[in-house]
Each structure stands twice: as structure tokens, then as C-alpha cells.
Amino acid sequence: MQGRWATRAWVGAGLLVLAAVGAVSLTGERVESLADELAHRAGIRPDEARGLIDEVTLRWKREAGRFSERTGETAAKVAHDLGLATREQVEELELRLAQLEHRLKLLEKKK
């Protein structure tokens, strides 16, 4: 009996992972359908399945946000290490160039 419960738990856990992956991009109606399927296969109530899907989805969204932040920080560090200018620096230089061009035109008109 214990082996059967463990197998059911693994099947349920695997389905939960797959369900959460898909739930990130599913509509509410499809998530309910997925929760019902998970509940049926794992032998739990649909509201428990939905709660598990919501919990795992929330965790993954947080992790995706953290990953995105770390990736952005790493990219900024690599760009800095390579001596690349930031967008802000380029925009500042474009503004200064435009100002200098304007001054030059004013000086040329005086001649």
C-alpha cells in the first residue's frame, strides 16, 4: 500500500510541475480544467489542485523576475567591462552634439 501511495505522489508531483508550467500562460478556464485533471489523477480535491498550481506558478514568476534582474545586472557589468556606453550616456552625447551643432550654425551665420 505504501508503494502505491508513493507512486501516486510522484505522479501527482510530476503533473503538478507540468501543470504549473502550462498554467503560467493559460486562461482561467483552462487552468480550472487542468486543476480538475490534476485533482482526478492525483486523488486530491480540485480546489487543492488549483491552490498548488497557483502556488507553483507564483514561485516561478518570482524566480523568473529574479533571473531577469540578475541577467540584466550581468549584461550591464559585461558592457561596462567591455567599455561600452550605456543608452543614457549615448543620449547625453547626442544632446551635447546637437547643442554644439546649433552653436556652430549660429557662429557661421554671424560671419
PDB file of N, CA and C in Angstrom:
ATOM      1  N   MET A   1       0.812  -1.194   0.000  1.00  0.00           N
ATOM      2  CA  MET A   1       0.000   0.000   0.000  1.00  0.00           C
ATOM      3  C   MET A   1       0.854   1.257   0.000  1.00  0.00           C
ATOM      4  N   GLN A   2       1.951   1.223   0.768  1.00  0.00           N
ATOM      5  CA  GLN A   2       2.819   2.395   0.845  1.00  0.00           C
ATOM      6  C   GLN A   2       3.464   2.687  -0.508  1.00  0.00           C
ATOM      7  N   GLY A   3       3.869   1.687  -1.239  1.00  0.00           N
ATOM      8  CA  GLY A   3       4.462   1.874  -2.553  1.00  0.00           C
ATOM      9  C   GLY A   3       3.480   2.495  -3.527  1.00  0.00           C
ATOM     10  N   ARG A   4       2.232   2.093  -3.434  1.00  0.00           N
ATOM     11  CA  ARG A   4       1.206   2.640  -4.315  1.00  0.00           C
ATOM     12  C   ARG A   4       1.001   4.124  -4.019  1.00  0.00           C
ATOM     13  N   TRP A   5       1.000   4.498  -2.726  1.00  0.00           N
ATOM     14  CA  TRP A   5       0.837   5.908  -2.358  1.00  0.00           C
ATOM     15  C   TRP A   5       2.020   6.730  -2.855  1.00  0.00           C
ATOM     16  N   ALA A   6       3.234   6.181  -2.726  1.00  0.00           N
ATOM     17  CA  ALA A   6       4.428   6.897  -3.190  1.00  0.00           C
ATOM     18  C   ALA A   6       4.372   7.113  -4.701  1.00  0.00           C
ATOM     19  N   THR A   7       3.942   6.081  -5.432  1.00  0.00           N
ATOM     20  CA  THR A   7       3.819   6.214  -6.885  1.00  0.00           C
ATOM     21  C   THR A   7       2.800   7.283  -7.232  1.00  0.00           C
ATOM     22  N   ARG A   8       1.680   7.271  -6.529  1.00  0.00           N
ATOM     23  CA  ARG A   8       0.646   8.287  -6.755  1.00  0.00           C
ATOM     24  C   ARG A   8       1.180   9.685  -6.455  1.00  0.00           C
ATOM     25  N   ALA A   9       1.974   9.788  -5.399  1.00  0.00           N
ATOM     26  CA  ALA A   9       2.536  11.089  -5.030  1.00  0.00           C
ATOM     27  C   ALA A   9       3.480  11.587  -6.120  1.00  0.00           C
ATOM     28  N   TRP A  10       4.312  10.674  -6.665  1.00  0.00           N
ATOM     29  CA  TRP A  10       5.231  11.076  -7.741  1.00  0.00           C
ATOM     30  C   TRP A  10       4.476  11.491  -8.990  1.00  0.00           C
ATOM     31  N   VAL A  11       3.440  10.723  -9.316  1.00  0.00           N
ATOM     32  CA  VAL A  11       2.626  11.072 -10.482  1.00  0.00           C
ATOM     33  C   VAL A  11       1.993  12.433 -10.254  1.00  0.00           C
ATOM     34  N   GLY A  12       1.458  12.643  -9.056  1.00  0.00           N
ATOM     35  CA  GLY A  12       0.841  13.930  -8.735  1.00  0.00           C
ATOM     36  C   GLY A  12       1.839  15.065  -8.787  1.00  0.00           C
ATOM     37  N   ALA A  13       3.039  14.828  -8.261  1.00  0.00           N
ATOM     38  CA  ALA A  13       4.070  15.876  -8.275  1.00  0.00           C
ATOM     39  C   ALA A  13       4.482  16.197  -9.704  1.00  0.00           C
ATOM     40  N   GLY A  14       4.650  15.177 -10.511  1.00  0.00           N
ATOM     41  CA  GLY A  14       5.019  15.403 -11.911  1.00  0.00           C
ATOM     42  C   GLY A  14       3.946  16.166 -12.653  1.00  0.00           C
ATOM     43  N   LEU A  15       2.707  15.794 -12.414  1.00  0.00           N
ATOM     44  CA  LEU A  15       1.603  16.502 -13.051  1.00  0.00           C
ATOM     45  C   LEU A  15       1.529  17.945 -12.569  1.00  0.00           C
ATOM     46  N   LEU A  16       1.824  18.146 -11.283  1.00  0.00           N
ATOM     47  CA  LEU A  16       1.797  19.496 -10.736  1.00  0.00           C
ATOM     48  C   LEU A  16       2.838  20.376 -11.412  1.00  0.00           C
ATOM     49  N   VAL A  17       4.027  19.838 -11.610  1.00  0.00           N
ATOM     50  CA  VAL A  17       5.079  20.602 -12.281  1.00  0.00           C
ATOM     51  C   VAL A  17       4.657  20.935 -13.704  1.00  0.00           C
ATOM     52  N   LEU A  18       4.174  19.947 -14.425  1.00  0.00           N
ATOM     53  CA  LEU A  18       3.724  20.193 -15.792  1.00  0.00           C
ATOM     54  C   LEU A  18       2.549  21.164 -15.815  1.00  0.00           C
ATOM     55  N   ALA A  19       1.656  21.027 -14.869  1.00  0.00           N
ATOM     56  CA  ALA A  19       0.503  21.915 -14.806  1.00  0.00           C
ATOM     57  C   ALA A  19       0.936  23.342 -14.547  1.00  0.00           C
ATOM     58  N   ALA A  20       1.884  23.527 -13.656  1.00  0.00           N
ATOM     59  CA  ALA A  20       2.337  24.884 -13.339  1.00  0.00           C
ATOM     60  C   ALA A  20       3.044  25.522 -14.520  1.00  0.00           C
ATOM     61  N   VAL A  21       3.820  24.735 -15.236  1.00  0.00           N
ATOM     62  CA  VAL A  21       4.499  25.266 -16.418  1.00  0.00           C
ATOM     63  C   VAL A  21       3.469  25.790 -17.410  1.00  0.00           C
ATOM     64  N   GLY A  22       2.465  25.001 -17.649  1.00  0.00           N
ATOM     65  CA  GLY A  22       1.436  25.412 -18.590  1.00  0.00           C
ATOM     66  C   GLY A  22       0.531  26.494 -18.035  1.00  0.00           C
ATOM     67  N   ALA A  23       0.311  26.501 -16.741  1.00  0.00           N
ATOM     68  CA  ALA A  23      -0.620  27.449 -16.135  1.00  0.00           C
ATOM     69  C   ALA A  23      -0.144  28.883 -16.250  1.00  0.00           C
ATOM     70  N   VAL A  24       1.146  29.070 -16.389  1.00  0.00           N
ATOM     71  CA  VAL A  24       1.679  30.419 -16.497  1.00  0.00           C
ATOM     72  C   VAL A  24       1.052  31.146 -17.677  1.00  0.00           C
ATOM     73  N   SER A  25       0.790  30.409 -18.743  1.00  0.00           N
ATOM     74  CA  SER A  25       0.281  31.062 -19.943  1.00  0.00           C
ATOM     75  C   SER A  25      -1.162  30.670 -20.288  1.00  0.00           C
ATOM     76  N   LEU A  26      -1.837  29.998 -19.393  1.00  0.00           N
ATOM     77  CA  LEU A  26      -3.186  29.560 -19.689  1.00  0.00           C
ATOM     78  C   LEU A  26      -4.230  30.571 -19.224  1.00  0.00           C
ATOM     79  N   THR A  27      -5.383  30.501 -19.843  1.00  0.00           N
ATOM     80  CA  THR A  27      -6.508  31.313 -19.396  1.00  0.00           C
ATOM     81  C   THR A  27      -7.100  30.686 -18.139  1.00  0.00           C
ATOM     82  N   GLY A  28      -7.925  31.441 -17.446  1.00  0.00           N
ATOM     83  CA  GLY A  28      -8.541  30.947 -16.220  1.00  0.00           C
ATOM     84  C   GLY A  28      -9.344  29.678 -16.431  1.00  0.00           C
ATOM     85  N   GLU A  29     -10.070  29.611 -17.535  1.00  0.00           N
ATOM     86  CA  GLU A  29     -10.890  28.438 -17.827  1.00  0.00           C
ATOM     87  C   GLU A  29     -10.022  27.197 -18.031  1.00  0.00           C
ATOM     88  N   ARG A  30      -8.934  27.374 -18.738  1.00  0.00           N
ATOM     89  CA  ARG A  30      -8.041  26.244 -18.990  1.00  0.00           C
ATOM     90  C   ARG A  30      -7.339  25.808 -17.709  1.00  0.00           C
ATOM     91  N   VAL A  31      -7.021  26.762 -16.817  1.00  0.00           N
ATOM     92  CA  VAL A  31      -6.381  26.416 -15.546  1.00  0.00           C
ATOM     93  C   VAL A  31      -7.346  25.577 -14.715  1.00  0.00           C
ATOM     94  N   GLU A  32      -8.620  25.946 -14.717  1.00  0.00           N
ATOM     95  CA  GLU A  32      -9.616  25.160 -13.974  1.00  0.00           C
ATOM     96  C   GLU A  32      -9.685  23.741 -14.514  1.00  0.00           C
ATOM     97  N   SER A  33      -9.673  23.614 -15.827  1.00  0.00           N
ATOM     98  CA  SER A  33      -9.706  22.290 -16.447  1.00  0.00           C
ATOM     99  C   SER A  33      -8.469  21.484 -16.059  1.00  0.00           C
ATOM    100  N   LEU A  34      -7.318  22.146 -16.073  1.00  0.00           N
ATOM    101  CA  LEU A  34      -6.072  21.496 -15.693  1.00  0.00           C
ATOM    102  C   LEU A  34      -6.096  21.095 -14.222  1.00  0.00           C
ATOM    103  N   ALA A  35      -6.644  21.949 -13.378  1.00  0.00           N
ATOM    104  CA  ALA A  35      -6.747  21.642 -11.951  1.00  0.00           C
ATOM    105  C   ALA A  35      -7.656  20.429 -11.735  1.00  0.00           C
ATOM    106  N   ASP A  36      -8.737  20.371 -12.486  1.00  0.00           N
ATOM    107  CA  ASP A  36      -9.629  19.210 -12.379  1.00  0.00           C
ATOM    108  C   ASP A  36      -8.907  17.924 -12.783  1.00  0.00           C
ATOM    109  N   GLU A  37      -8.161  18.005 -13.869  1.00  0.00           N
ATOM    110  CA  GLU A  37      -7.397  16.836 -14.341  1.00  0.00           C
ATOM    111  C   GLU A  37      -6.359  16.410 -13.305  1.00  0.00           C
ATOM    112  N   LEU A  38      -5.635  17.377 -12.773  1.00  0.00           N
ATOM    113  CA  LEU A  38      -4.628  17.086 -11.752  1.00  0.00           C
ATOM    114  C   LEU A  38      -5.287  16.474 -10.517  1.00  0.00           C
ATOM    115  N   ALA A  39      -6.397  17.044 -10.098  1.00  0.00           N
ATOM    116  CA  ALA A  39      -7.108  16.540  -8.924  1.00  0.00           C
ATOM    117  C   ALA A  39      -7.544  15.084  -9.143  1.00  0.00           C
ATOM    118  N   HIS A  40      -8.074  14.826 -10.311  1.00  0.00           N
ATOM    119  CA  HIS A  40      -8.529  13.469 -10.623  1.00  0.00           C
ATOM    120  C   HIS A  40      -7.372  12.472 -10.594  1.00  0.00           C
ATOM    121  N   ARG A  41      -6.275  12.827 -11.242  1.00  0.00           N
ATOM    122  CA  ARG A  41      -5.141  11.894 -11.333  1.00  0.00           C
ATOM    123  C   ARG A  41      -4.374  11.756 -10.025  1.00  0.00           C
ATOM    124  N   ALA A  42      -4.300  12.829  -9.250  1.00  0.00           N
ATOM    125  CA  ALA A  42      -3.534  12.787  -8.006  1.00  0.00           C
ATOM    126  C   ALA A  42      -4.393  12.410  -6.803  1.00  0.00           C
ATOM    127  N   GLY A  43      -5.695  12.363  -7.007  1.00  0.00           N
ATOM    128  CA  GLY A  43      -6.588  11.972  -5.926  1.00  0.00           C
ATOM    129  C   GLY A  43      -6.758  13.052  -4.868  1.00  0.00           C
ATOM    130  N   ILE A  44      -6.786  14.306  -5.298  1.00  0.00           N
ATOM    131  CA  ILE A  44      -6.999  15.415  -4.375  1.00  0.00           C
ATOM    132  C   ILE A  44      -8.204  16.226  -4.849  1.00  0.00           C
ATOM    133  N   ARG A  45      -8.643  17.150  -3.988  1.00  0.00           N
ATOM    134  CA  ARG A  45      -9.776  17.998  -4.355  1.00  0.00           C
ATOM    135  C   ARG A  45      -9.344  19.028  -5.400  1.00  0.00           C
ATOM    136  N   PRO A  46     -10.256  19.436  -6.292  1.00  0.00           N
ATOM    137  CA  PRO A  46      -9.917  20.439  -7.317  1.00  0.00           C
ATOM    138  C   PRO A  46      -9.411  21.756  -6.740  1.00  0.00           C
ATOM    139  N   ASP A  47      -9.980  22.196  -5.611  1.00  0.00           N
ATOM    140  CA  ASP A  47      -9.509  23.450  -5.019  1.00  0.00           C
ATOM    141  C   ASP A  47      -8.089  23.310  -4.485  1.00  0.00           C
ATOM    142  N   GLU A  48      -7.728  22.112  -4.010  1.00  0.00           N
ATOM    143  CA  GLU A  48      -6.347  21.877  -3.577  1.00  0.00           C
ATOM    144  C   GLU A  48      -5.404  21.911  -4.785  1.00  0.00           C
ATOM    145  N   ALA A  49      -5.841  21.297  -5.873  1.00  0.00           N
ATOM    146  CA  ALA A  49      -5.027  21.285  -7.092  1.00  0.00           C
ATOM    147  C   ALA A  49      -4.832  22.705  -7.604  1.00  0.00           C
ATOM    148  N   ARG A  50      -5.897  23.500  -7.608  1.00  0.00           N
ATOM    149  CA  ARG A  50      -5.801  24.887  -8.074  1.00  0.00           C
ATOM    150  C   ARG A  50      -4.850  25.674  -7.167  1.00  0.00           C
ATOM    151  N   GLY A  51      -4.957  25.449  -5.862  1.00  0.00           N
ATOM    152  CA  GLY A  51      -4.062  26.122  -4.920  1.00  0.00           C
ATOM    153  C   GLY A  51      -2.606  25.762  -5.174  1.00  0.00           C
ATOM    154  N   LEU A  52      -2.345  24.487  -5.443  1.00  0.00           N
ATOM    155  CA  LEU A  52      -0.981  24.059  -5.740  1.00  0.00           C
ATOM    156  C   LEU A  52      -0.472  24.680  -7.034  1.00  0.00           C
ATOM    157  N   ILE A  53      -1.320  24.701  -8.049  1.00  0.00           N
ATOM    158  CA  ILE A  53      -0.931  25.301  -9.330  1.00  0.00           C
ATOM    159  C   ILE A  53      -0.640  26.786  -9.144  1.00  0.00           C
ATOM    160  N   ASP A  54      -1.507  27.470  -8.408  1.00  0.00           N
ATOM    161  CA  ASP A  54      -1.299  28.902  -8.161  1.00  0.00           C
ATOM    162  C   ASP A  54      -0.001  29.159  -7.393  1.00  0.00           C
ATOM    163  N   GLU A  55       0.260  28.323  -6.389  1.00  0.00           N
ATOM    164  CA  GLU A  55       1.465  28.481  -5.573  1.00  0.00           C
ATOM    165  C   GLU A  55       2.734  28.278  -6.405  1.00  0.00           C
ATOM    166  N   VAL A  56       2.761  27.212  -7.179  1.00  0.00           N
ATOM    167  CA  VAL A  56       3.934  26.922  -8.001  1.00  0.00           C
ATOM    168  C   VAL A  56       4.111  27.999  -9.076  1.00  0.00           C
ATOM    169  N   THR A  57       3.011  28.432  -9.664  1.00  0.00           N
ATOM    170  CA  THR A  57       3.076  29.482 -10.686  1.00  0.00           C
ATOM    171  C   THR A  57       3.630  30.770 -10.102  1.00  0.00           C
ATOM    172  N   LEU A  58       3.174  31.133  -8.909  1.00  0.00           N
ATOM    173  CA  LEU A  58       3.664  32.343  -8.251  1.00  0.00           C
ATOM    174  C   LEU A  58       5.168  32.236  -7.973  1.00  0.00           C
ATOM    175  N   ARG A  59       5.594  31.084  -7.489  1.00  0.00           N
ATOM    176  CA  ARG A  59       7.035  30.880  -7.231  1.00  0.00           C
ATOM    177  C   ARG A  59       7.840  31.035  -8.510  1.00  0.00           C
ATOM    178  N   TRP A  60       7.357  30.447  -9.587  1.00  0.00           N
ATOM    179  CA  TRP A  60       8.080  30.515 -10.859  1.00  0.00           C
ATOM    180  C   TRP A  60       8.120  31.940 -11.390  1.00  0.00           C
ATOM    181  N   LYS A  61       7.038  32.674 -11.215  1.00  0.00           N
ATOM    182  CA  LYS A  61       7.041  34.065 -11.667  1.00  0.00           C
ATOM    183  C   LYS A  61       8.056  34.882 -10.878  1.00  0.00           C
ATOM    184  N   ARG A  62       8.127  34.635  -9.574  1.00  0.00           N
ATOM    185  CA  ARG A  62       9.126  35.338  -8.753  1.00  0.00           C
ATOM    186  C   ARG A  62      10.535  34.990  -9.202  1.00  0.00           C
ATOM    187  N   GLU A  63      10.766  33.706  -9.407  1.00  0.00           N
ATOM    188  CA  GLU A  63      12.094  33.271  -9.845  1.00  0.00           C
ATOM    189  C   GLU A  63      12.434  33.846 -11.215  1.00  0.00           C
ATOM    190  N   ALA A  64      11.473  33.905 -12.103  1.00  0.00           N
ATOM    191  CA  ALA A  64      11.708  34.482 -13.429  1.00  0.00           C
ATOM    192  C   ALA A  64      12.082  35.947 -13.292  1.00  0.00           C
ATOM    193  N   GLY A  65      11.423  36.665 -12.380  1.00  0.00           N
ATOM    194  CA  GLY A  65      11.762  38.064 -12.132  1.00  0.00           C
ATOM    195  C   GLY A  65      13.172  38.213 -11.596  1.00  0.00           C
ATOM    196  N   ARG A  66      13.530  37.359 -10.648  1.00  0.00           N
ATOM    197  CA  ARG A  66      14.891  37.402 -10.090  1.00  0.00           C
ATOM    198  C   ARG A  66      15.928  37.069 -11.159  1.00  0.00           C
ATOM    199  N   PHE A  67      15.624  36.070 -11.972  1.00  0.00           N
ATOM    200  CA  PHE A  67      16.540  35.682 -13.045  1.00  0.00           C
ATOM    201  C   PHE A  67      16.728  36.840 -14.019  1.00  0.00           C
ATOM    202  N   SER A  68      15.628  37.486 -14.356  1.00  0.00           N
ATOM    203  CA  SER A  68      15.682  38.619 -15.275  1.00  0.00           C
ATOM    204  C   SER A  68      16.539  39.745 -14.701  1.00  0.00           C
ATOM    205  N   GLU A  69      16.375  40.020 -13.413  1.00  0.00           N
ATOM    206  CA  GLU A  69      17.176  41.065 -12.764  1.00  0.00           C
ATOM    207  C   GLU A  69      18.657  40.704 -12.805  1.00  0.00           C
ATOM    208  N   ARG A  70      18.957  39.445 -12.453  1.00  0.00           N
ATOM    209  CA  ARG A  70      20.365  39.008 -12.451  1.00  0.00           C
ATOM    210  C   ARG A  70      20.954  39.050 -13.847  1.00  0.00           C
ATOM    211  N   THR A  71      20.170  38.671 -14.834  1.00  0.00           N
ATOM    212  CA  THR A  71      20.640  38.694 -16.212  1.00  0.00           C
ATOM    213  C   THR A  71      20.941  40.119 -16.640  1.00  0.00           C
ATOM    214  N   GLY A  72      20.042  41.040 -16.299  1.00  0.00           N
ATOM    215  CA  GLY A  72      20.246  42.448 -16.630  1.00  0.00           C
ATOM    216  C   GLY A  72      21.485  43.013 -15.962  1.00  0.00           C
ATOM    217  N   GLU A  73      21.680  42.654 -14.690  1.00  0.00           N
ATOM    218  CA  GLU A  73      22.865  43.125 -13.967  1.00  0.00           C
ATOM    219  C   GLU A  73      24.138  42.564 -14.594  1.00  0.00           C
ATOM    220  N   THR A  74      24.107  41.300 -14.962  1.00  0.00           N
ATOM    221  CA  THR A  74      25.266  40.672 -15.581  1.00  0.00           C
ATOM    222  C   THR A  74      25.574  41.317 -16.925  1.00  0.00           C
ATOM    223  N   ALA A  75      24.542  41.558 -17.711  1.00  0.00           N
ATOM    224  CA  ALA A  75      24.749  42.195 -19.015  1.00  0.00           C
ATOM    225  C   ALA A  75      25.323  43.595 -18.848  1.00  0.00           C
ATOM    226  N   ALA A  76      24.820  44.340 -17.864  1.00  0.00           N
ATOM    227  CA  ALA A  76      25.343  45.692 -17.605  1.00  0.00           C
ATOM    228  C   ALA A  76      26.804  45.631 -17.186  1.00  0.00           C
ATOM    229  N   LYS A  77      27.148  44.653 -16.370  1.00  0.00           N
ATOM    230  CA  LYS A  77      28.544  44.519 -15.918  1.00  0.00           C
ATOM    231  C   LYS A  77      29.452  44.166 -17.095  1.00  0.00           C
ATOM    232  N   VAL A  78      29.008  43.256 -17.937  1.00  0.00           N
ATOM    233  CA  VAL A  78      29.816  42.869 -19.104  1.00  0.00           C
ATOM    234  C   VAL A  78      29.999  44.070 -20.029  1.00  0.00           C
ATOM    235  N   ALA A  79      28.934  44.813 -20.269  1.00  0.00           N
ATOM    236  CA  ALA A  79      29.025  46.001 -21.128  1.00  0.00           C
ATOM    237  C   ALA A  79      29.998  47.010 -20.527  1.00  0.00           C
ATOM    238  N   HIS A  80      29.921  47.194 -19.223  1.00  0.00           N
ATOM    239  CA  HIS A  80      30.837  48.123 -18.550  1.00  0.00           C
ATOM    240  C   HIS A  80      32.284  47.636 -18.680  1.00  0.00           C
ATOM    241  N   ASP A  81      32.491  46.351 -18.434  1.00  0.00           N
ATOM    242  CA  ASP A  81      33.838  45.774 -18.524  1.00  0.00           C
ATOM    243  C   ASP A  81      34.412  45.895 -19.937  1.00  0.00           C
ATOM    244  N   LEU A  82      33.541  45.848 -20.942  1.00  0.00           N
ATOM    245  CA  LEU A  82      33.991  45.981 -22.324  1.00  0.00           C
ATOM    246  C   LEU A  82      34.157  47.437 -22.744  1.00  0.00           C
ATOM    247  N   GLY A  83      33.761  48.342 -21.856  1.00  0.00           N
ATOM    248  CA  GLY A  83      33.896  49.759 -22.157  1.00  0.00           C
ATOM    249  C   GLY A  83      32.788  50.289 -23.047  1.00  0.00           C
ATOM    250  N   LEU A  84      31.661  49.605 -23.085  1.00  0.00           N
ATOM    251  CA  LEU A  84      30.538  50.049 -23.902  1.00  0.00           C
ATOM    252  C   LEU A  84      29.754  51.130 -23.171  1.00  0.00           C
ATOM    253  N   ALA A  85      29.260  52.077 -23.916  1.00  0.00           N
ATOM    254  CA  ALA A  85      28.470  53.163 -23.331  1.00  0.00           C
ATOM    255  C   ALA A  85      27.050  52.686 -23.055  1.00  0.00           C
ATOM    256  N   THR A  86      26.454  53.255 -22.012  1.00  0.00           N
ATOM    257  CA  THR A  86      25.061  52.946 -21.714  1.00  0.00           C
ATOM    258  C   THR A  86      24.174  53.780 -22.630  1.00  0.00           C
ATOM    259  N   ARG A  87      22.937  53.433 -22.705  1.00  0.00           N
ATOM    260  CA  ARG A  87      21.974  54.184 -23.507  1.00  0.00           C
ATOM    261  C   ARG A  87      21.909  55.631 -23.023  1.00  0.00           C
ATOM    262  N   GLU A  88      21.916  55.815 -21.715  1.00  0.00           N
ATOM    263  CA  GLU A  88      21.864  57.169 -21.149  1.00  0.00           C
ATOM    264  C   GLU A  88      23.080  57.990 -21.571  1.00  0.00           C
ATOM    265  N   GLN A  89      24.247  57.356 -21.559  1.00  0.00           N
ATOM    266  CA  GLN A  89      25.460  58.067 -21.967  1.00  0.00           C
ATOM    267  C   GLN A  89      25.397  58.460 -23.442  1.00  0.00           C
ATOM    268  N   VAL A  90      24.905  57.565 -24.274  1.00  0.00           N
ATOM    269  CA  VAL A  90      24.777  57.857 -25.704  1.00  0.00           C
ATOM    270  C   VAL A  90      23.787  58.994 -25.916  1.00  0.00           C
ATOM    271  N   GLU A  91      22.663  58.956 -25.219  1.00  0.00           N
ATOM    272  CA  GLU A  91      21.664  60.016 -25.351  1.00  0.00           C
ATOM    273  C   GLU A  91      22.233  61.360 -24.893  1.00  0.00           C
ATOM    274  N   GLU A  92      23.010  61.343 -23.814  1.00  0.00           N
ATOM    275  CA  GLU A  92      23.638  62.574 -23.328  1.00  0.00           C
ATOM    276  C   GLU A  92      24.608  63.125 -24.369  1.00  0.00           C
ATOM    277  N   LEU A  93      25.383  62.249 -24.984  1.00  0.00           N
ATOM    278  CA  LEU A  93      26.324  62.684 -26.022  1.00  0.00           C
ATOM    279  C   LEU A  93      25.587  63.207 -27.258  1.00  0.00           C
ATOM    280  N   GLU A  94      24.471  62.573 -27.625  1.00  0.00           N
ATOM    281  CA  GLU A  94      23.685  63.060 -28.754  1.00  0.00           C
ATOM    282  C   GLU A  94      23.154  64.466 -28.477  1.00  0.00           C
ATOM    283  N   LEU A  95      22.705  64.695 -27.261  1.00  0.00           N
ATOM    284  CA  LEU A  95      22.218  66.016 -26.886  1.00  0.00           C
ATOM    285  C   LEU A  95      23.344  67.051 -26.953  1.00  0.00           C
ATOM    286  N   ARG A  96      24.497  66.704 -26.417  1.00  0.00           N
ATOM    287  CA  ARG A  96      25.640  67.625 -26.461  1.00  0.00           C
ATOM    288  C   ARG A  96      26.061  67.914 -27.895  1.00  0.00           C
ATOM    289  N   LEU A  97      26.036  66.883 -28.743  1.00  0.00           N
ATOM    290  CA  LEU A  97      26.385  67.068 -30.151  1.00  0.00           C
ATOM    291  C   LEU A  97      25.394  68.006 -30.831  1.00  0.00           C
ATOM    292  N   ALA A  98      24.116  67.818 -30.566  1.00  0.00           N
ATOM    293  CA  ALA A  98      23.098  68.683 -31.152  1.00  0.00           C
ATOM    294  C   ALA A  98      23.294  70.131 -30.695  1.00  0.00           C
ATOM    295  N   GLN A  99      23.648  70.310 -29.427  1.00  0.00           N
ATOM    296  CA  GLN A  99      23.895  71.662 -28.921  1.00  0.00           C
ATOM    297  C   GLN A  99      25.106  72.295 -29.613  1.00  0.00           C
ATOM    298  N   LEU A 100      26.151  71.510 -29.793  1.00  0.00           N
ATOM    299  CA  LEU A 100      27.347  72.021 -30.459  1.00  0.00           C
ATOM    300  C   LEU A 100      27.062  72.365 -31.921  1.00  0.00           C
ATOM    301  N   GLU A 101      26.299  71.528 -32.604  1.00  0.00           N
ATOM    302  CA  GLU A 101      25.937  71.813 -33.990  1.00  0.00           C
ATOM    303  C   GLU A 101      25.127  73.106 -34.078  1.00  0.00           C
ATOM    304  N   HIS A 102      24.238  73.299 -33.144  1.00  0.00           N
ATOM    305  CA  HIS A 102      23.434  74.521 -33.120  1.00  0.00           C
ATOM    306  C   HIS A 102      24.325  75.754 -32.913  1.00  0.00           C
ATOM    307  N   ARG A 103      25.247  75.667 -31.976  1.00  0.00           N
ATOM    308  CA  ARG A 103      26.176  76.784 -31.730  1.00  0.00           C
ATOM    309  C   ARG A 103      27.022  77.080 -32.969  1.00  0.00           C
ATOM    310  N   LEU A 104      27.468  76.006 -33.630  1.00  0.00           N
ATOM    311  CA  LEU A 104      28.285  76.180 -34.828  1.00  0.00           C
ATOM    312  C   LEU A 104      27.490  76.888 -35.928  1.00  0.00           C
ATOM    313  N   LYS A 105      26.239  76.515 -36.105  1.00  0.00           N
ATOM    314  CA  LYS A 105      25.392  77.182 -37.107  1.00  0.00           C
ATOM    315  C   LYS A 105      25.210  78.650 -36.758  1.00  0.00           C
ATOM    316  N   LEU A 106      25.038  78.963 -35.490  1.00  0.00           N
ATOM    317  CA  LEU A 106      24.894  80.360 -35.071  1.00  0.00           C
ATOM    318  C   LEU A 106      26.173  81.155 -35.379  1.00  0.00           C
ATOM    319  N   LEU A 107      27.314  80.525 -35.133  1.00  0.00           N
ATOM    320  CA  LEU A 107      28.584  81.196 -35.406  1.00  0.00           C
ATOM    321  C   LEU A 107      28.783  81.408 -36.901  1.00  0.00           C
ATOM    322  N   GLU A 108      28.386  80.426 -37.714  1.00  0.00           N
ATOM    323  CA  GLU A 108      28.528  80.552 -39.160  1.00  0.00           C
ATOM    324  C   GLU A 108      27.625  81.660 -39.712  1.00  0.00           C
ATOM    325  N   LYS A 109      26.476  81.833 -39.125  1.00  0.00           N
ATOM    326  CA  LYS A 109      25.550  82.880 -39.570  1.00  0.00           C
ATOM    327  C   LYS A 109      26.097  84.276 -39.275  1.00  0.00           C
ATOM    328  N   LYS A 110      26.870  84.414 -38.234  1.00  0.00           N
ATOM    329  CA  LYS A 110      27.455  85.719 -37.869  1.00  0.00           C
ATOM    330  C   LYS A 110      28.511  86.148 -38.867  1.00  0.00           C
ATOM    331  N   LYS A 111      29.115  85.225 -39.545  1.00  0.00           N
ATOM    332  CA  LYS A 111      30.198  85.548 -40.492  1.00  0.00           C
ATOM    333  C   LYS A 111      29.703  86.122 -41.740  1.00  0.00           C
TER     334      LYS A 111
END
